[in-house]
Amino acid sequence: MTNQNLPTRLLTINNFVEEHKTFATHGGMRHIIFNSESNGFKTAIKRIGTRVLIDESEFFRCVNKINEVNNHA
């Protein structure tokens, strides 16, 4: 099994905000999740039934990708 096949760390909104206090708020994360289809975070948001989880590493890859696009515009 390669590293690419290993599971990533999935966090609830509360867990994500608790671990990244300087970066995220509950309201900010809910906004990102609600608009994930159009804001570039679709791949970082995982829905399992009614639960919404955040793929931590993918979330920060999305942040970097969006930042690169915005800095080259």
N, C-alpha and C. Protein backbone atom coordinates (compact mmCIF):
# COMPACT_ATOMS: atom_id res chain seq x y z
N MET A 1 0.84 -1.19 0.00
CA MET A 1 0.00 0.00 0.00
C MET A 1 0.89 1.25 0.00
N THR A 2 0.62 2.17 -0.89
CA THR A 2 1.39 3.41 -0.94
C THR A 2 0.79 4.43 0.01
N ASN A 3 1.55 5.49 0.28
CA ASN A 3 1.06 6.54 1.16
C ASN A 3 -0.18 7.22 0.62
N GLN A 4 -0.34 7.23 -0.69
CA GLN A 4 -1.51 7.88 -1.28
C GLN A 4 -2.79 7.13 -0.95
N ASN A 5 -2.69 5.85 -0.63
CA ASN A 5 -3.87 5.06 -0.31
C ASN A 5 -4.22 5.07 1.16
N LEU A 6 -3.37 5.66 1.99
CA LEU A 6 -3.65 5.70 3.42
C LEU A 6 -4.76 6.69 3.71
N PRO A 7 -5.59 6.41 4.70
CA PRO A 7 -6.65 7.35 5.04
C PRO A 7 -6.08 8.65 5.59
N THR A 8 -6.76 9.72 5.30
CA THR A 8 -6.35 11.01 5.83
C THR A 8 -7.12 11.27 7.12
N ARG A 9 -6.74 12.32 7.79
CA ARG A 9 -7.40 12.66 9.04
C ARG A 9 -8.67 13.45 8.75
N LEU A 10 -9.80 12.90 9.14
CA LEU A 10 -11.09 13.56 8.96
C LEU A 10 -11.54 14.12 10.29
N LEU A 11 -11.90 15.40 10.29
CA LEU A 11 -12.29 16.08 11.52
C LEU A 11 -13.69 16.66 11.40
N THR A 12 -14.41 16.67 12.52
CA THR A 12 -15.68 17.40 12.54
C THR A 12 -15.38 18.89 12.51
N ILE A 13 -16.39 19.70 12.29
CA ILE A 13 -16.19 21.14 12.30
C ILE A 13 -15.64 21.58 13.65
N ASN A 14 -16.23 21.08 14.73
CA ASN A 14 -15.76 21.45 16.07
C ASN A 14 -14.30 21.07 16.28
N ASN A 15 -13.92 19.84 15.89
CA ASN A 15 -12.54 19.41 16.05
C ASN A 15 -11.59 20.26 15.21
N PHE A 16 -11.99 20.57 13.97
CA PHE A 16 -11.14 21.36 13.09
C PHE A 16 -10.91 22.74 13.69
N VAL A 17 -11.98 23.39 14.14
CA VAL A 17 -11.86 24.73 14.72
C VAL A 17 -11.01 24.69 15.98
N GLU A 18 -11.19 23.67 16.80
CA GLU A 18 -10.41 23.54 18.04
C GLU A 18 -8.92 23.40 17.74
N GLU A 19 -8.58 22.65 16.71
CA GLU A 19 -7.17 22.42 16.37
C GLU A 19 -6.55 23.58 15.61
N HIS A 20 -7.35 24.40 14.96
CA HIS A 20 -6.84 25.49 14.12
C HIS A 20 -7.50 26.81 14.53
N LYS A 21 -7.43 27.12 15.81
CA LYS A 21 -8.11 28.30 16.36
C LYS A 21 -7.70 29.60 15.69
N THR A 22 -6.43 29.74 15.36
CA THR A 22 -5.97 30.99 14.76
C THR A 22 -6.40 31.12 13.31
N PHE A 23 -6.87 30.02 12.74
CA PHE A 23 -7.20 30.02 11.31
C PHE A 23 -8.70 29.95 11.05
N ALA A 24 -9.42 29.23 11.90
CA ALA A 24 -10.81 28.92 11.57
C ALA A 24 -11.76 29.26 12.71
N THR A 25 -12.96 29.68 12.33
CA THR A 25 -14.06 29.86 13.28
C THR A 25 -15.21 28.96 12.84
N HIS A 26 -16.15 28.73 13.75
CA HIS A 26 -17.30 27.90 13.38
C HIS A 26 -18.07 28.51 12.21
N GLY A 27 -18.34 29.80 12.30
CA GLY A 27 -19.10 30.47 11.23
C GLY A 27 -18.35 30.46 9.92
N GLY A 28 -17.05 30.68 9.98
CA GLY A 28 -16.24 30.68 8.77
C GLY A 28 -16.22 29.32 8.10
N MET A 29 -16.11 28.27 8.91
CA MET A 29 -16.10 26.92 8.37
C MET A 29 -17.46 26.55 7.79
N ARG A 30 -18.51 26.95 8.45
CA ARG A 30 -19.85 26.66 7.91
C ARG A 30 -20.06 27.37 6.56
N HIS A 31 -19.53 28.58 6.44
CA HIS A 31 -19.61 29.31 5.17
C HIS A 31 -18.84 28.56 4.09
N ILE A 32 -17.63 28.12 4.41
CA ILE A 32 -16.82 27.36 3.45
C ILE A 32 -17.54 26.09 3.02
N ILE A 33 -18.12 25.37 3.98
CA ILE A 33 -18.82 24.12 3.68
C ILE A 33 -20.05 24.38 2.82
N PHE A 34 -20.84 25.38 3.18
CA PHE A 34 -22.06 25.69 2.44
C PHE A 34 -21.76 26.05 0.99
N ASN A 35 -20.64 26.75 0.77
CA ASN A 35 -20.27 27.21 -0.57
C ASN A 35 -19.18 26.36 -1.21
N SER A 36 -18.94 25.15 -0.71
CA SER A 36 -17.82 24.35 -1.18
C SER A 36 -17.89 23.99 -2.67
N GLU A 37 -19.07 23.94 -3.24
CA GLU A 37 -19.20 23.64 -4.67
C GLU A 37 -18.58 24.73 -5.54
N SER A 38 -18.56 25.97 -5.04
CA SER A 38 -18.09 27.09 -5.87
C SER A 38 -16.83 27.77 -5.37
N ASN A 39 -16.36 27.44 -4.18
CA ASN A 39 -15.22 28.18 -3.63
C ASN A 39 -13.90 27.43 -3.66
N GLY A 40 -13.87 26.22 -4.21
CA GLY A 40 -12.64 25.47 -4.34
C GLY A 40 -12.36 24.49 -3.21
N PHE A 41 -13.29 24.32 -2.28
CA PHE A 41 -13.06 23.41 -1.15
C PHE A 41 -13.85 22.11 -1.26
N LYS A 42 -14.46 21.86 -2.40
CA LYS A 42 -15.31 20.68 -2.57
C LYS A 42 -14.58 19.39 -2.23
N THR A 43 -13.32 19.26 -2.60
CA THR A 43 -12.58 18.02 -2.37
C THR A 43 -12.21 17.82 -0.90
N ALA A 44 -12.25 18.88 -0.10
CA ALA A 44 -11.88 18.79 1.31
C ALA A 44 -13.07 18.46 2.22
N ILE A 45 -14.27 18.58 1.70
CA ILE A 45 -15.48 18.36 2.50
C ILE A 45 -16.02 16.97 2.19
N LYS A 46 -16.16 16.17 3.22
CA LYS A 46 -16.68 14.80 3.07
C LYS A 46 -18.00 14.71 3.80
N ARG A 47 -19.00 14.18 3.13
CA ARG A 47 -20.31 14.01 3.74
C ARG A 47 -20.61 12.53 3.89
N ILE A 48 -20.90 12.12 5.11
CA ILE A 48 -21.25 10.74 5.40
C ILE A 48 -22.59 10.78 6.12
N GLY A 49 -23.65 10.47 5.40
CA GLY A 49 -24.99 10.63 5.95
C GLY A 49 -25.22 12.10 6.24
N THR A 50 -25.56 12.41 7.47
CA THR A 50 -25.78 13.81 7.84
C THR A 50 -24.52 14.46 8.42
N ARG A 51 -23.47 13.67 8.62
CA ARG A 51 -22.22 14.21 9.17
C ARG A 51 -21.41 14.89 8.09
N VAL A 52 -20.81 16.00 8.44
CA VAL A 52 -19.91 16.71 7.55
C VAL A 52 -18.53 16.66 8.20
N LEU A 53 -17.57 16.13 7.47
CA LEU A 53 -16.21 16.02 7.97
C LEU A 53 -15.26 16.78 7.05
N ILE A 54 -14.16 17.22 7.61
CA ILE A 54 -13.17 17.99 6.85
C ILE A 54 -11.91 17.15 6.75
N ASP A 55 -11.46 16.92 5.53
CA ASP A 55 -10.19 16.25 5.28
C ASP A 55 -9.11 17.30 5.52
N GLU A 56 -8.41 17.17 6.63
CA GLU A 56 -7.49 18.21 7.08
C GLU A 56 -6.40 18.52 6.04
N SER A 57 -5.72 17.51 5.54
CA SER A 57 -4.63 17.77 4.59
C SER A 57 -5.17 18.33 3.27
N GLU A 58 -6.30 17.81 2.82
CA GLU A 58 -6.90 18.32 1.58
C GLU A 58 -7.37 19.76 1.74
N PHE A 59 -7.86 20.10 2.92
CA PHE A 59 -8.30 21.47 3.18
C PHE A 59 -7.14 22.44 2.96
N PHE A 60 -5.97 22.12 3.51
CA PHE A 60 -4.84 23.03 3.37
C PHE A 60 -4.24 22.99 1.97
N ARG A 61 -4.39 21.86 1.24
CA ARG A 61 -4.00 21.85 -0.18
C ARG A 61 -4.89 22.82 -0.95
N CYS A 62 -6.19 22.82 -0.63
CA CYS A 62 -7.12 23.75 -1.29
C CYS A 62 -6.75 25.20 -0.98
N VAL A 63 -6.42 25.47 0.27
CA VAL A 63 -6.01 26.82 0.66
C VAL A 63 -4.80 27.25 -0.18
N ASN A 64 -3.81 26.38 -0.29
CA ASN A 64 -2.61 26.71 -1.06
C ASN A 64 -2.93 26.92 -2.53
N LYS A 65 -3.78 26.06 -3.09
CA LYS A 65 -4.15 26.17 -4.50
C LYS A 65 -4.89 27.50 -4.77
N ILE A 66 -5.83 27.82 -3.89
CA ILE A 66 -6.59 29.07 -4.04
C ILE A 66 -5.67 30.27 -3.90
N ASN A 67 -4.73 30.19 -2.96
CA ASN A 67 -3.78 31.26 -2.74
C ASN A 67 -2.90 31.47 -3.98
N GLU A 68 -2.45 30.38 -4.59
CA GLU A 68 -1.63 30.49 -5.81
C GLU A 68 -2.41 31.16 -6.93
N VAL A 69 -3.66 30.76 -7.11
CA VAL A 69 -4.50 31.35 -8.17
C VAL A 69 -4.70 32.84 -7.91
N ASN A 70 -5.00 33.21 -6.67
CA ASN A 70 -5.24 34.60 -6.34
C ASN A 70 -3.98 35.46 -6.47
N ASN A 71 -2.83 34.89 -6.20
CA ASN A 71 -1.58 35.66 -6.31
C ASN A 71 -1.12 35.82 -7.76
N HIS A 72 -1.62 35.01 -8.66
CA HIS A 72 -1.25 35.11 -10.07
C HIS A 72 -2.29 35.86 -10.90
N ALA A 73 -3.33 36.31 -10.26
CA ALA A 73 -4.39 37.01 -11.01
C ALA A 73 -4.02 38.45 -11.24
